[in-house]
C-alpha cells in the first residue's frame, strides 16, 4: 500500500483546517448619522479595531451590518429598540 498520497493529502488538509474562521454576523446601529462624532467613532475606531484584533488572532471574523442614521430605529425609539434586540 502506498501511503505517500494519503500523507500528502493530510498535509494539505491540516493547514486548511487550521485557517478556518468562524464568521459572526453582527449589526451595529445608531439613530444618529456617522457625521456625529460619537457615532462616527463606532465605525472608524470600534469596528476597525475589532476587525484588527480579530485578524491578529485569526479565529473569528465579523460581517458587519451597519444601520446608522436611523436606518434600524429612530432616536425616540432607541431604548425600546435596544431592549427588544
Protein backbone atom coordinates (compact mmCIF):
# COMPACT_ATOMS: atom_id res chain seq x y z
CA UNK A 1 0.00 0.00 0.00
CA UNK A 2 1.37 3.39 -0.99
CA UNK A 3 0.97 5.87 1.90
CA UNK A 4 2.53 8.79 0.05
CA UNK A 5 -0.76 10.14 -1.45
CA UNK A 6 -2.54 9.77 1.89
CA UNK A 7 0.19 11.62 3.77
CA UNK A 8 0.30 14.34 1.13
CA UNK A 9 -3.49 14.82 1.30
CA UNK A 10 -3.31 15.03 5.09
CA UNK A 11 -0.51 17.59 4.99
CA UNK A 12 -2.60 19.78 2.70
CA UNK A 13 -5.86 19.36 4.66
CA UNK A 14 -4.48 20.14 8.12
CA UNK A 15 -3.29 23.71 7.40
CA UNK A 16 -6.58 24.45 5.68
CA UNK A 17 -8.47 23.33 8.79
CA UNK A 18 -6.24 25.48 10.98
CA UNK A 19 -7.05 28.52 8.85
CA UNK A 20 -10.82 28.08 9.21
CA UNK A 21 -12.55 31.08 10.78
CA UNK A 22 -15.87 31.37 12.49
CA UNK A 23 -17.91 34.12 10.84
CA UNK A 24 -20.13 36.22 13.10
CA UNK A 25 -22.95 38.30 11.64
CA UNK A 26 -23.29 41.42 13.77
CA UNK A 27 -25.46 44.50 13.45
CA UNK A 28 -24.17 47.84 14.70
CA UNK A 29 -26.69 50.66 14.76
CA UNK A 30 -27.36 54.20 15.87
CA UNK A 31 -30.25 56.54 15.40
CA UNK A 32 -27.80 59.32 14.51
CA UNK A 33 -25.67 59.54 11.33
CA UNK A 34 -21.93 58.85 11.30
CA UNK A 35 -21.25 62.59 10.95
CA UNK A 36 -21.97 62.83 14.69
CA UNK A 37 -18.56 62.30 16.34
CA UNK A 38 -19.51 59.54 18.79
CA UNK A 39 -21.36 57.61 16.10
CA UNK A 40 -18.59 58.08 13.55
CA UNK A 41 -16.12 56.60 16.04
CA UNK A 42 -18.21 53.45 16.22
CA UNK A 43 -17.33 52.95 12.58
CA UNK A 44 -13.83 54.39 12.35
CA UNK A 45 -12.46 53.16 15.67
CA UNK A 46 -14.58 50.44 17.29
CA UNK A 47 -15.32 48.41 14.16
CA UNK A 48 -11.84 48.89 12.69
CA UNK A 49 -10.08 48.00 15.94
CA UNK A 50 -12.32 44.97 16.49
CA UNK A 51 -11.55 43.74 12.97
CA UNK A 52 -7.82 44.32 13.53
CA UNK A 53 -7.74 42.41 16.82
CA UNK A 54 -9.75 39.51 15.43
CA UNK A 55 -7.49 39.33 12.36
CA UNK A 56 -4.46 39.01 14.65
CA UNK A 57 -5.96 36.01 16.39
CA UNK A 58 -7.37 34.55 13.19
CA UNK A 59 -10.20 32.55 14.79
CA UNK A 60 -13.15 34.83 14.12
CA UNK A 61 -14.34 37.32 11.54
CA UNK A 62 -17.27 39.74 11.78
CA UNK A 63 -19.57 40.52 8.90
CA UNK A 64 -20.87 43.93 9.89
CA UNK A 65 -24.40 45.01 9.11
CA UNK A 66 -24.30 48.79 9.51
CA UNK A 67 -27.53 50.61 10.33
CA UNK A 68 -26.65 54.23 11.09
CA UNK A 69 -28.72 57.36 10.68
CA UNK A 70 -31.98 55.86 11.87
CA UNK A 71 -31.97 53.02 9.34
CA UNK A 72 -32.91 50.48 12.01
CA UNK A 73 -34.65 52.64 14.62
CA UNK A 74 -35.35 56.32 15.24
CA UNK A 75 -33.96 58.42 18.11
CA UNK A 76 -37.23 58.35 20.05
CA UNK A 77 -37.23 54.54 19.98
CA UNK A 78 -33.60 53.90 20.98
CA UNK A 79 -34.26 52.44 24.44
CA UNK A 80 -37.13 50.22 23.39
CA UNK A 81 -35.23 49.04 20.28
CA UNK A 82 -32.17 48.07 22.29
CA UNK A 83 -34.37 46.39 24.88
CA UNK A 84 -36.19 44.34 22.23
CA UNK A 85 -32.95 43.46 20.43
